[in-house]
Amino acid sequence: MKQNSVYKYSLVMVLALLMLTACAIEPSRKPGAADKEVVVSVDSDVQQLFDQAVQALSRDEYDNAITLLNTVIEREQRLTAPYINLAMAYRKQGDDEKAEENLMKALDLDLAHPVANNELGLLYRKLGRFADARKAYTNALTEHPDYLPVIKNLGILCDIYMRDLQCALEQFESYQNQVPDDKTMQIWIADLKRRIGS
């Protein structure tokens, strides 16, 4: 994946990131199968509701955002963005069960979706489900190996929570290869190498 694609995905982490578009990815039928782009027509009023929901999320108006996103989902179930944003809203409200439920619905549409898997990994890490978090991050990296948030979060998970220092070092070095001037990452890598003894 080219570096400009990496930054495109990085921007996706902002709440306004997942604006509904005219295309979506059809889910793969088999693990590792190539995804196919399919055109999805989205009504302008659905787009408007989604935009309002994103604005509500940016203002921390979670109840309003949840209501709007549920309305969007009632009318359009083919896109991952409403499910992911709904999960984010529920997670902000402390409803981890509904957050997980909506992330799973997004992953039903696109198993390797990088943002959905990253959010699921963060949720599982918070819940102490470290093996599940690692699986979510790994799912994203199968088709999006250069997606920086997942690389970084997998490294943090491996280092702090799973004590798998070699995994952490691999992730942090992968991150540094894409962002060589990141001083924090340079410090983390040096610390890991010291702890590993290399």
N, C-alpha and C. Protein backbone atom coordinates (compact mmCIF):
# COMPACT_ATOMS: atom_id res chain seq x y z
N MET A 1 0.86 -1.19 0.00
CA MET A 1 0.00 0.00 0.00
C MET A 1 0.89 1.23 0.00
N LYS A 2 0.55 2.20 -0.79
CA LYS A 2 1.37 3.40 -0.89
C LYS A 2 1.17 4.28 0.33
N GLN A 3 2.16 5.15 0.57
CA GLN A 3 2.14 5.97 1.77
C GLN A 3 0.93 6.91 1.80
N ASN A 4 0.51 7.45 0.65
CA ASN A 4 -0.65 8.34 0.67
C ASN A 4 -1.91 7.58 1.07
N SER A 5 -1.98 6.28 0.77
CA SER A 5 -3.12 5.48 1.23
C SER A 5 -3.09 5.31 2.73
N VAL A 6 -1.88 5.18 3.27
CA VAL A 6 -1.73 5.05 4.72
C VAL A 6 -2.28 6.29 5.41
N TYR A 7 -1.94 7.45 4.90
CA TYR A 7 -2.41 8.67 5.53
C TYR A 7 -3.91 8.84 5.34
N LYS A 8 -4.43 8.36 4.20
CA LYS A 8 -5.88 8.40 4.00
C LYS A 8 -6.56 7.61 5.10
N TYR A 9 -6.04 6.40 5.40
CA TYR A 9 -6.62 5.59 6.45
C TYR A 9 -6.42 6.21 7.82
N SER A 10 -5.30 6.88 8.03
CA SER A 10 -5.07 7.53 9.32
C SER A 10 -6.11 8.60 9.58
N LEU A 11 -6.48 9.32 8.54
CA LEU A 11 -7.49 10.36 8.69
C LEU A 11 -8.85 9.77 9.02
N VAL A 12 -9.03 8.51 8.66
CA VAL A 12 -10.29 7.85 8.90
C VAL A 12 -10.60 7.74 10.39
N MET A 13 -9.58 7.83 11.22
CA MET A 13 -9.78 7.70 12.66
C MET A 13 -10.51 8.90 13.26
N VAL A 14 -10.56 9.99 12.56
CA VAL A 14 -11.30 11.14 13.03
C VAL A 14 -12.78 10.82 12.87
N LEU A 15 -13.62 11.31 13.76
CA LEU A 15 -15.03 10.94 13.69
C LEU A 15 -15.68 11.29 12.36
N ALA A 16 -15.22 12.33 11.73
CA ALA A 16 -15.79 12.71 10.44
C ALA A 16 -15.25 11.86 9.32
N LEU A 17 -14.36 10.95 9.66
CA LEU A 17 -13.65 10.06 8.79
C LEU A 17 -14.51 9.20 7.90
N LEU A 18 -15.60 8.75 8.39
CA LEU A 18 -16.32 7.70 7.67
C LEU A 18 -17.56 8.22 6.95
N MET A 19 -17.39 9.31 6.24
CA MET A 19 -18.51 9.86 5.50
C MET A 19 -18.99 8.81 4.49
N LEU A 20 -20.28 8.70 4.37
CA LEU A 20 -20.82 7.73 3.43
C LEU A 20 -20.42 8.14 2.02
N THR A 21 -20.03 7.15 1.23
CA THR A 21 -19.64 7.41 -0.14
C THR A 21 -20.48 6.56 -1.06
N ALA A 22 -20.25 6.74 -2.32
CA ALA A 22 -21.04 6.00 -3.29
C ALA A 22 -20.51 4.60 -3.53
N CYS A 23 -19.44 4.22 -2.86
CA CYS A 23 -19.04 2.83 -3.02
C CYS A 23 -18.70 2.18 -1.71
N ALA A 24 -18.80 0.88 -1.73
CA ALA A 24 -18.52 0.08 -0.54
C ALA A 24 -17.74 -1.14 -0.98
N ILE A 25 -17.28 -1.91 -0.04
CA ILE A 25 -16.55 -3.13 -0.35
C ILE A 25 -17.45 -4.32 -0.03
N GLU A 26 -17.58 -5.19 -1.00
CA GLU A 26 -18.35 -6.41 -0.77
C GLU A 26 -17.50 -7.34 0.07
N PRO A 27 -18.07 -8.00 1.09
CA PRO A 27 -17.26 -8.87 1.94
C PRO A 27 -16.72 -10.06 1.17
N SER A 28 -15.53 -10.49 1.52
CA SER A 28 -14.94 -11.68 0.91
C SER A 28 -15.70 -12.91 1.38
N ARG A 29 -15.84 -13.84 0.51
CA ARG A 29 -16.54 -15.07 0.86
C ARG A 29 -15.60 -16.06 1.54
N LYS A 30 -14.29 -15.97 1.23
CA LYS A 30 -13.31 -16.86 1.83
C LYS A 30 -12.21 -16.00 2.44
N PRO A 31 -11.61 -16.45 3.55
CA PRO A 31 -10.50 -15.70 4.11
C PRO A 31 -9.40 -15.55 3.05
N GLY A 32 -8.91 -14.33 2.90
CA GLY A 32 -7.84 -14.07 1.96
C GLY A 32 -8.31 -13.79 0.55
N ALA A 33 -9.61 -13.99 0.27
CA ALA A 33 -10.11 -13.71 -1.06
C ALA A 33 -10.10 -12.21 -1.29
N ALA A 34 -9.90 -11.83 -2.53
CA ALA A 34 -9.85 -10.40 -2.85
C ALA A 34 -11.24 -9.80 -2.74
N ASP A 35 -11.31 -8.61 -2.16
CA ASP A 35 -12.58 -7.91 -2.07
C ASP A 35 -12.91 -7.29 -3.41
N LYS A 36 -14.20 -7.17 -3.69
CA LYS A 36 -14.65 -6.56 -4.93
C LYS A 36 -15.37 -5.26 -4.60
N GLU A 37 -15.07 -4.24 -5.39
CA GLU A 37 -15.79 -2.99 -5.19
C GLU A 37 -17.16 -3.11 -5.85
N VAL A 38 -18.17 -2.65 -5.14
CA VAL A 38 -19.51 -2.62 -5.69
C VAL A 38 -20.07 -1.22 -5.46
N VAL A 39 -20.87 -0.78 -6.39
CA VAL A 39 -21.45 0.55 -6.27
C VAL A 39 -22.67 0.46 -5.36
N VAL A 40 -22.74 1.37 -4.40
CA VAL A 40 -23.88 1.44 -3.49
C VAL A 40 -24.44 2.85 -3.57
N SER A 41 -25.65 2.95 -4.05
CA SER A 41 -26.31 4.25 -4.12
C SER A 41 -26.83 4.62 -2.74
N VAL A 42 -26.51 5.81 -2.30
CA VAL A 42 -26.97 6.27 -0.99
C VAL A 42 -27.85 7.49 -1.19
N ASP A 43 -29.07 7.41 -0.66
CA ASP A 43 -29.98 8.54 -0.78
C ASP A 43 -29.39 9.77 -0.09
N SER A 44 -29.68 10.93 -0.65
CA SER A 44 -29.14 12.18 -0.09
C SER A 44 -29.65 12.42 1.33
N ASP A 45 -30.88 11.98 1.63
CA ASP A 45 -31.37 12.20 3.00
C ASP A 45 -30.67 11.27 4.00
N VAL A 46 -30.26 10.08 3.55
CA VAL A 46 -29.48 9.18 4.39
C VAL A 46 -28.11 9.81 4.65
N GLN A 47 -27.50 10.35 3.59
CA GLN A 47 -26.21 11.03 3.74
C GLN A 47 -26.34 12.20 4.72
N GLN A 48 -27.42 12.94 4.61
CA GLN A 48 -27.63 14.09 5.49
C GLN A 48 -27.78 13.65 6.95
N LEU A 49 -28.52 12.58 7.18
CA LEU A 49 -28.66 12.04 8.54
C LEU A 49 -27.31 11.60 9.09
N PHE A 50 -26.53 10.95 8.24
CA PHE A 50 -25.20 10.50 8.66
C PHE A 50 -24.31 11.69 9.01
N ASP A 51 -24.34 12.71 8.17
CA ASP A 51 -23.55 13.92 8.43
C ASP A 51 -23.95 14.55 9.77
N GLN A 52 -25.24 14.58 10.04
CA GLN A 52 -25.72 15.13 11.32
C GLN A 52 -25.22 14.28 12.49
N ALA A 53 -25.21 12.96 12.30
CA ALA A 53 -24.73 12.07 13.35
C ALA A 53 -23.25 12.31 13.63
N VAL A 54 -22.46 12.48 12.57
CA VAL A 54 -21.03 12.74 12.74
C VAL A 54 -20.81 14.06 13.48
N GLN A 55 -21.61 15.05 13.13
CA GLN A 55 -21.51 16.34 13.84
C GLN A 55 -21.87 16.17 15.32
N ALA A 56 -22.91 15.40 15.59
CA ALA A 56 -23.30 15.15 16.98
C ALA A 56 -22.18 14.44 17.74
N LEU A 57 -21.55 13.47 17.10
CA LEU A 57 -20.43 12.77 17.73
C LEU A 57 -19.29 13.74 18.04
N SER A 58 -19.01 14.64 17.11
CA SER A 58 -17.91 15.58 17.32
C SER A 58 -18.20 16.56 18.46
N ARG A 59 -19.49 16.73 18.79
CA ARG A 59 -19.89 17.60 19.91
C ARG A 59 -20.16 16.79 21.18
N ASP A 60 -19.82 15.50 21.16
CA ASP A 60 -20.04 14.60 22.30
C ASP A 60 -21.52 14.46 22.66
N GLU A 61 -22.39 14.60 21.69
CA GLU A 61 -23.84 14.41 21.89
C GLU A 61 -24.18 12.97 21.49
N TYR A 62 -23.81 12.05 22.36
CA TYR A 62 -23.88 10.63 22.00
C TYR A 62 -25.30 10.12 21.84
N ASP A 63 -26.23 10.54 22.69
CA ASP A 63 -27.62 10.08 22.55
C ASP A 63 -28.19 10.49 21.20
N ASN A 64 -27.97 11.74 20.82
CA ASN A 64 -28.44 12.24 19.54
C ASN A 64 -27.78 11.48 18.39
N ALA A 65 -26.46 11.27 18.49
CA ALA A 65 -25.74 10.55 17.44
C ALA A 65 -26.26 9.12 17.30
N ILE A 66 -26.52 8.47 18.42
CA ILE A 66 -27.02 7.10 18.39
C ILE A 66 -28.39 7.04 17.72
N THR A 67 -29.25 7.98 18.05
CA THR A 67 -30.58 8.01 17.42
C THR A 67 -30.45 8.20 15.91
N LEU A 68 -29.62 9.15 15.50
CA LEU A 68 -29.43 9.42 14.07
C LEU A 68 -28.81 8.22 13.36
N LEU A 69 -27.79 7.61 13.96
CA LEU A 69 -27.13 6.48 13.31
C LEU A 69 -28.04 5.27 13.22
N ASN A 70 -28.87 5.05 14.23
CA ASN A 70 -29.83 3.95 14.13
C ASN A 70 -30.83 4.19 13.01
N THR A 71 -31.21 5.44 12.80
CA THR A 71 -32.10 5.77 11.68
C THR A 71 -31.41 5.50 10.35
N VAL A 72 -30.13 5.88 10.26
CA VAL A 72 -29.36 5.61 9.04
C VAL A 72 -29.32 4.11 8.78
N ILE A 73 -29.04 3.33 9.82
CA ILE A 73 -28.91 1.88 9.67
C ILE A 73 -30.25 1.23 9.30
N GLU A 74 -31.34 1.77 9.80
CA GLU A 74 -32.66 1.24 9.41
C GLU A 74 -32.85 1.37 7.91
N ARG A 75 -32.27 2.42 7.32
CA ARG A 75 -32.48 2.69 5.91
C ARG A 75 -31.36 2.19 5.01
N GLU A 76 -30.18 1.95 5.58
CA GLU A 76 -29.02 1.54 4.77
C GLU A 76 -28.10 0.64 5.59
N GLN A 77 -28.10 -0.66 5.28
CA GLN A 77 -27.30 -1.62 6.03
C GLN A 77 -26.07 -2.11 5.28
N ARG A 78 -25.77 -1.52 4.14
CA ARG A 78 -24.69 -2.07 3.31
C ARG A 78 -23.33 -1.44 3.55
N LEU A 79 -23.24 -0.43 4.40
CA LEU A 79 -21.97 0.27 4.62
C LEU A 79 -21.50 0.12 6.06
N THR A 80 -20.20 0.08 6.22
CA THR A 80 -19.61 -0.12 7.54
C THR A 80 -19.63 1.14 8.40
N ALA A 81 -19.56 2.31 7.79
CA ALA A 81 -19.39 3.56 8.54
C ALA A 81 -20.43 3.79 9.63
N PRO A 82 -21.72 3.62 9.37
CA PRO A 82 -22.69 3.86 10.43
C PRO A 82 -22.51 2.92 11.62
N TYR A 83 -22.19 1.66 11.35
CA TYR A 83 -21.99 0.71 12.44
C TYR A 83 -20.76 1.08 13.28
N ILE A 84 -19.69 1.48 12.62
CA ILE A 84 -18.47 1.83 13.34
C ILE A 84 -18.70 3.07 14.20
N ASN A 85 -19.32 4.08 13.63
CA ASN A 85 -19.59 5.29 14.40
C ASN A 85 -20.56 5.03 15.55
N LEU A 86 -21.53 4.16 15.31
CA LEU A 86 -22.46 3.79 16.39
C LEU A 86 -21.69 3.09 17.51
N ALA A 87 -20.78 2.21 17.14
CA ALA A 87 -19.96 1.53 18.15
C ALA A 87 -19.13 2.54 18.94
N MET A 88 -18.58 3.53 18.25
CA MET A 88 -17.78 4.56 18.94
C MET A 88 -18.65 5.33 19.95
N ALA A 89 -19.87 5.64 19.53
CA ALA A 89 -20.77 6.38 20.43
C ALA A 89 -21.11 5.54 21.65
N TYR A 90 -21.43 4.27 21.43
CA TYR A 90 -21.75 3.40 22.56
C TYR A 90 -20.55 3.23 23.49
N ARG A 91 -19.35 3.09 22.90
CA ARG A 91 -18.15 2.94 23.72
C ARG A 91 -17.93 4.18 24.58
N LYS A 92 -18.17 5.36 24.01
CA LYS A 92 -18.02 6.60 24.77
C LYS A 92 -19.02 6.66 25.93
N GLN A 93 -20.17 6.03 25.75
CA GLN A 93 -21.17 5.99 26.81
C GLN A 93 -20.93 4.86 27.80
N GLY A 94 -19.93 4.04 27.53
CA GLY A 94 -19.62 2.93 28.43
C GLY A 94 -20.40 1.67 28.17
N ASP A 95 -21.11 1.59 27.05
CA ASP A 95 -21.87 0.40 26.71
C ASP A 95 -21.03 -0.48 25.78
N ASP A 96 -20.12 -1.24 26.39
CA ASP A 96 -19.18 -2.05 25.62
C ASP A 96 -19.87 -3.16 24.84
N GLU A 97 -20.96 -3.68 25.38
CA GLU A 97 -21.68 -4.77 24.69
C GLU A 97 -22.26 -4.28 23.36
N LYS A 98 -22.91 -3.13 23.37
CA LYS A 98 -23.47 -2.60 22.12
C LYS A 98 -22.37 -2.13 21.18
N ALA A 99 -21.27 -1.64 21.73
CA ALA A 99 -20.13 -1.26 20.89
C ALA A 99 -19.61 -2.48 20.14
N GLU A 100 -19.40 -3.57 20.87
CA GLU A 100 -18.91 -4.80 20.23
C GLU A 100 -19.91 -5.31 19.19
N GLU A 101 -21.18 -5.31 19.54
CA GLU A 101 -22.22 -5.78 18.62
C GLU A 101 -22.18 -5.03 17.29
N ASN A 102 -22.03 -3.71 17.34
CA ASN A 102 -22.02 -2.93 16.11
C ASN A 102 -20.71 -3.08 15.34
N LEU A 103 -19.61 -3.25 16.03
CA LEU A 103 -18.35 -3.51 15.33
C LEU A 103 -18.41 -4.86 14.61
N MET A 104 -19.04 -5.84 15.24
CA MET A 104 -19.18 -7.15 14.59
C MET A 104 -20.06 -7.05 13.34
N LYS A 105 -21.07 -6.18 13.38
CA LYS A 105 -21.91 -5.99 12.20
C LYS A 105 -21.10 -5.34 11.08
N ALA A 106 -20.23 -4.40 11.42
CA ALA A 106 -19.35 -3.79 10.41
C ALA A 106 -18.42 -4.86 9.82
N LEU A 107 -17.90 -5.73 10.68
CA LEU A 107 -16.98 -6.77 10.21
C LEU A 107 -17.70 -7.85 9.41
N ASP A 108 -18.99 -8.01 9.63
CA ASP A 108 -19.77 -8.92 8.77
C ASP A 108 -19.77 -8.41 7.33
N LEU A 109 -19.70 -7.09 7.17
CA LEU A 109 -19.67 -6.50 5.84
C LEU A 109 -18.27 -6.51 5.24
N ASP A 110 -17.25 -6.37 6.08
CA ASP A 110 -15.86 -6.33 5.61
C ASP A 110 -14.97 -6.84 6.73
N LEU A 111 -14.63 -8.11 6.68
CA LEU A 111 -13.90 -8.78 7.75
C LEU A 111 -12.57 -8.11 8.09
N ALA A 112 -11.91 -7.54 7.10
CA ALA A 112 -10.59 -6.95 7.33
C ALA A 112 -10.64 -5.44 7.47
N HIS A 113 -11.83 -4.86 7.64
CA HIS A 113 -11.94 -3.40 7.71
C HIS A 113 -10.98 -2.86 8.77
N PRO A 114 -10.05 -1.97 8.39
CA PRO A 114 -9.01 -1.56 9.34
C PRO A 114 -9.54 -0.75 10.52
N VAL A 115 -10.48 0.13 10.29
CA VAL A 115 -10.99 0.96 11.39
C VAL A 115 -11.84 0.11 12.33
N ALA A 116 -12.70 -0.74 11.78
CA ALA A 116 -13.54 -1.59 12.63
C ALA A 116 -12.68 -2.52 13.48
N ASN A 117 -11.66 -3.13 12.87
CA ASN A 117 -10.78 -4.02 13.63
C ASN A 117 -9.96 -3.26 14.66
N ASN A 118 -9.52 -2.06 14.32
CA ASN A 118 -8.77 -1.26 15.29
C ASN A 118 -9.64 -0.91 16.49
N GLU A 119 -10.87 -0.47 16.22
CA GLU A 119 -11.79 -0.15 17.32
C GLU A 119 -12.09 -1.38 18.15
N LEU A 120 -12.28 -2.52 17.49
CA LEU A 120 -12.56 -3.76 18.22
C LEU A 120 -11.36 -4.16 19.07
N GLY A 121 -10.16 -4.01 18.52
CA GLY A 121 -8.96 -4.31 19.28
C GLY A 121 -8.83 -3.44 20.52
N LEU A 122 -9.13 -2.14 20.37
CA LEU A 122 -9.08 -1.23 21.51
C LEU A 122 -10.11 -1.62 22.57
N LEU A 123 -11.31 -1.99 22.11
CA LEU A 123 -12.36 -2.40 23.04
C LEU A 123 -11.95 -3.66 23.79
N TYR A 124 -11.45 -4.66 23.05
CA TYR A 124 -11.04 -5.91 23.69
C TYR A 124 -9.87 -5.69 24.65
N ARG A 125 -8.95 -4.81 24.28
CA ARG A 125 -7.83 -4.52 25.18
C ARG A 125 -8.35 -3.93 26.49
N LYS A 126 -9.30 -3.00 26.38
CA LYS A 126 -9.91 -2.39 27.57
C LYS A 126 -10.57 -3.45 28.44
N LEU A 127 -11.19 -4.45 27.81
CA LEU A 127 -11.90 -5.50 28.54
C LEU A 127 -10.98 -6.62 29.04
N GLY A 128 -9.70 -6.52 28.73
CA GLY A 128 -8.76 -7.55 29.15
C GLY A 128 -8.77 -8.78 28.27
N ARG A 129 -9.38 -8.70 27.12
CA ARG A 129 -9.46 -9.82 26.18
C ARG A 129 -8.32 -9.67 25.17
N PHE A 130 -7.10 -9.90 25.64
CA PHE A 130 -5.92 -9.57 24.86
C PHE A 130 -5.76 -10.44 23.62
N ALA A 131 -6.05 -11.73 23.71
CA ALA A 131 -5.94 -12.60 22.53
C ALA A 131 -6.94 -12.18 21.46
N ASP A 132 -8.14 -11.79 21.88
CA ASP A 132 -9.14 -11.31 20.92
C ASP A 132 -8.71 -9.98 20.30
N ALA A 133 -8.09 -9.13 21.10
CA ALA A 133 -7.59 -7.85 20.57
C ALA A 133 -6.53 -8.11 19.51
N ARG A 134 -5.62 -9.02 19.82
CA ARG A 134 -4.56 -9.34 18.86
C ARG A 134 -5.14 -9.89 17.56
N LYS A 135 -6.16 -10.73 17.69
CA LYS A 135 -6.80 -11.30 16.49
C LYS A 135 -7.44 -10.19 15.65
N ALA A 136 -8.08 -9.23 16.29
CA ALA A 136 -8.71 -8.12 15.56
C ALA A 136 -7.65 -7.32 14.79
N TYR A 137 -6.55 -7.00 15.47
CA TYR A 137 -5.49 -6.26 14.79
C TYR A 137 -4.91 -7.06 13.63
N THR A 138 -4.69 -8.35 13.86
CA THR A 138 -4.14 -9.20 12.81
C THR A 138 -5.09 -9.29 11.62
N ASN A 139 -6.40 -9.36 11.89
CA ASN A 139 -7.38 -9.38 10.80
C ASN A 139 -7.23 -8.15 9.90
N ALA A 140 -7.06 -7.00 10.50
CA ALA A 140 -6.90 -5.77 9.72
C ALA A 140 -5.62 -5.81 8.90
N LEU A 141 -4.55 -6.29 9.50
CA LEU A 141 -3.25 -6.26 8.83
C LEU A 141 -3.15 -7.24 7.67
N THR A 142 -4.04 -8.24 7.61
CA THR A 142 -3.99 -9.19 6.49
C THR A 142 -4.19 -8.48 5.17
N GLU A 143 -5.09 -7.50 5.12
CA GLU A 143 -5.35 -6.78 3.88
C GLU A 143 -4.89 -5.33 3.91
N HIS A 144 -4.54 -4.85 5.09
CA HIS A 144 -4.10 -3.46 5.23
C HIS A 144 -2.81 -3.42 6.05
N PRO A 145 -1.73 -4.02 5.51
CA PRO A 145 -0.50 -4.18 6.29
C PRO A 145 0.20 -2.87 6.64
N ASP A 146 -0.18 -1.78 6.02
CA ASP A 146 0.47 -0.50 6.28
C ASP A 146 -0.42 0.46 7.07
N TYR A 147 -1.49 -0.04 7.66
CA TYR A 147 -2.41 0.83 8.39
C TYR A 147 -1.82 1.17 9.76
N LEU A 148 -1.31 2.37 9.88
CA LEU A 148 -0.51 2.79 11.04
C LEU A 148 -1.19 2.63 12.40
N PRO A 149 -2.47 3.02 12.58
CA PRO A 149 -3.07 2.87 13.91
C PRO A 149 -3.07 1.42 14.40
N VAL A 150 -3.34 0.48 13.50
CA VAL A 150 -3.35 -0.93 13.91
C VAL A 150 -1.94 -1.41 14.23
N ILE A 151 -0.97 -1.02 13.41
CA ILE A 151 0.42 -1.41 13.67
C ILE A 151 0.84 -0.92 15.06
N LYS A 152 0.57 0.33 15.34
CA LYS A 152 0.96 0.91 16.63
C LYS A 152 0.22 0.24 17.79
N ASN A 153 -1.08 0.06 17.64
CA ASN A 153 -1.86 -0.54 18.72
C ASN A 153 -1.51 -2.00 18.96
N LEU A 154 -1.19 -2.73 17.90
CA LEU A 154 -0.74 -4.11 18.09
C LEU A 154 0.59 -4.12 18.82
N GLY A 155 1.48 -3.21 18.49
CA GLY A 155 2.75 -3.11 19.19
C GLY A 155 2.56 -2.82 20.67
N ILE A 156 1.68 -1.89 20.98
CA ILE A 156 1.39 -1.55 22.39
C ILE A 156 0.79 -2.75 23.11
N LEU A 157 -0.15 -3.43 22.45
CA LEU A 157 -0.76 -4.62 23.04
C LEU A 157 0.31 -5.68 23.35
N CYS A 158 1.16 -5.95 22.36
CA CYS A 158 2.19 -6.97 22.54
C CYS A 158 3.17 -6.58 23.65
N ASP A 159 3.52 -5.31 23.71
CA ASP A 159 4.51 -4.85 24.68
C ASP A 159 3.95 -4.82 26.10
N ILE A 160 2.95 -4.02 26.30
CA ILE A 160 2.47 -3.73 27.66
C ILE A 160 1.55 -4.81 28.21
N TYR A 161 0.69 -5.34 27.37
CA TYR A 161 -0.36 -6.24 27.87
C TYR A 161 -0.03 -7.72 27.72
N MET A 162 0.71 -8.09 26.67
CA MET A 162 0.98 -9.51 26.43
C MET A 162 2.44 -9.89 26.70
N ARG A 163 3.27 -8.90 26.93
CA ARG A 163 4.70 -9.13 27.20
C ARG A 163 5.38 -9.94 26.10
N ASP A 164 4.92 -9.73 24.88
CA ASP A 164 5.55 -10.36 23.70
C ASP A 164 6.42 -9.28 23.07
N LEU A 165 7.63 -9.16 23.58
CA LEU A 165 8.50 -8.06 23.18
C LEU A 165 8.93 -8.15 21.72
N GLN A 166 9.11 -9.35 21.21
CA GLN A 166 9.51 -9.50 19.81
C GLN A 166 8.39 -9.01 18.88
N CYS A 167 7.16 -9.37 19.19
CA CYS A 167 6.01 -8.88 18.42
C CYS A 167 5.96 -7.36 18.47
N ALA A 168 6.13 -6.79 19.65
CA ALA A 168 6.09 -5.33 19.80
C ALA A 168 7.18 -4.68 18.97
N LEU A 169 8.39 -5.23 19.02
CA LEU A 169 9.50 -4.66 18.26
C LEU A 169 9.21 -4.71 16.76
N GLU A 170 8.67 -5.83 16.28
CA GLU A 170 8.33 -5.94 14.86
C GLU A 170 7.33 -4.87 14.45
N GLN A 171 6.31 -4.66 15.27
CA GLN A 171 5.29 -3.67 14.94
C GLN A 171 5.86 -2.25 14.97
N PHE A 172 6.62 -1.96 16.00
CA PHE A 172 7.17 -0.61 16.12
C PHE A 172 8.18 -0.31 15.01
N GLU A 173 8.97 -1.31 14.62
CA GLU A 173 9.90 -1.10 13.50
C GLU A 173 9.14 -0.93 12.19
N SER A 174 8.06 -1.67 12.03
CA SER A 174 7.22 -1.49 10.84
C SER A 174 6.64 -0.08 10.80
N TYR A 175 6.20 0.39 11.94
CA TYR A 175 5.66 1.76 12.05
C TYR A 175 6.76 2.76 11.71
N GLN A 176 7.94 2.57 12.28
CA GLN A 176 9.04 3.52 12.05
C GLN A 176 9.47 3.54 10.59
N ASN A 177 9.38 2.41 9.90
CA ASN A 177 9.72 2.38 8.48
C ASN A 177 8.84 3.33 7.67
N GLN A 178 7.60 3.51 8.12
CA GLN A 178 6.68 4.40 7.41
C GLN A 178 6.75 5.84 7.92
N VAL A 179 7.10 5.99 9.19
CA VAL A 179 7.18 7.33 9.80
C VAL A 179 8.55 7.44 10.49
N PRO A 180 9.63 7.56 9.69
CA PRO A 180 10.98 7.49 10.26
C PRO A 180 11.33 8.63 11.22
N ASP A 181 10.64 9.74 11.17
CA ASP A 181 10.96 10.88 12.03
C ASP A 181 10.19 10.90 13.34
N ASP A 182 9.43 9.85 13.63
CA ASP A 182 8.65 9.79 14.86
C ASP A 182 9.60 9.54 16.03
N LYS A 183 9.88 10.58 16.80
CA LYS A 183 10.84 10.50 17.91
C LYS A 183 10.36 9.56 19.02
N THR A 184 9.05 9.58 19.30
CA THR A 184 8.50 8.70 20.34
C THR A 184 8.74 7.25 19.97
N MET A 185 8.50 6.91 18.71
CA MET A 185 8.68 5.53 18.27
C MET A 185 10.15 5.14 18.36
N GLN A 186 11.04 6.06 18.06
CA GLN A 186 12.48 5.77 18.18
C GLN A 186 12.84 5.42 19.63
N ILE A 187 12.25 6.14 20.57
CA ILE A 187 12.50 5.88 22.00
C ILE A 187 11.93 4.52 22.39
N TRP A 188 10.70 4.22 21.93
CA TRP A 188 10.08 2.93 22.26
C TRP A 188 10.92 1.77 21.72
N ILE A 189 11.42 1.92 20.50
CA ILE A 189 12.22 0.85 19.89
C ILE A 189 13.52 0.66 20.66
N ALA A 190 14.17 1.74 21.02
CA ALA A 190 15.41 1.64 21.79
C ALA A 190 15.15 0.95 23.13
N ASP A 191 14.04 1.31 23.78
CA ASP A 191 13.69 0.68 25.06
C ASP A 191 13.43 -0.81 24.89
N LEU A 192 12.71 -1.18 23.85
CA LEU A 192 12.42 -2.60 23.60
C LEU A 192 13.70 -3.37 23.34
N LYS A 193 14.59 -2.81 22.54
CA LYS A 193 15.86 -3.50 22.24
C LYS A 193 16.68 -3.68 23.51
N ARG A 194 16.64 -2.68 24.37
CA ARG A 194 17.36 -2.80 25.64
C ARG A 194 16.76 -3.93 26.48
N ARG A 195 15.41 -3.98 26.54
CA ARG A 195 14.77 -5.03 27.35
C ARG A 195 14.95 -6.42 26.76
N ILE A 196 14.97 -6.50 25.42
CA ILE A 196 15.20 -7.80 24.75
C ILE A 196 16.65 -8.21 24.91
N GLY A 197 17.52 -7.22 24.99
CA GLY A 197 18.95 -7.51 25.12
C GLY A 197 19.65 -7.57 23.79
N SER A 198 19.07 -6.89 22.78
CA SER A 198 19.71 -6.91 21.45
C SER A 198 20.38 -5.60 21.14
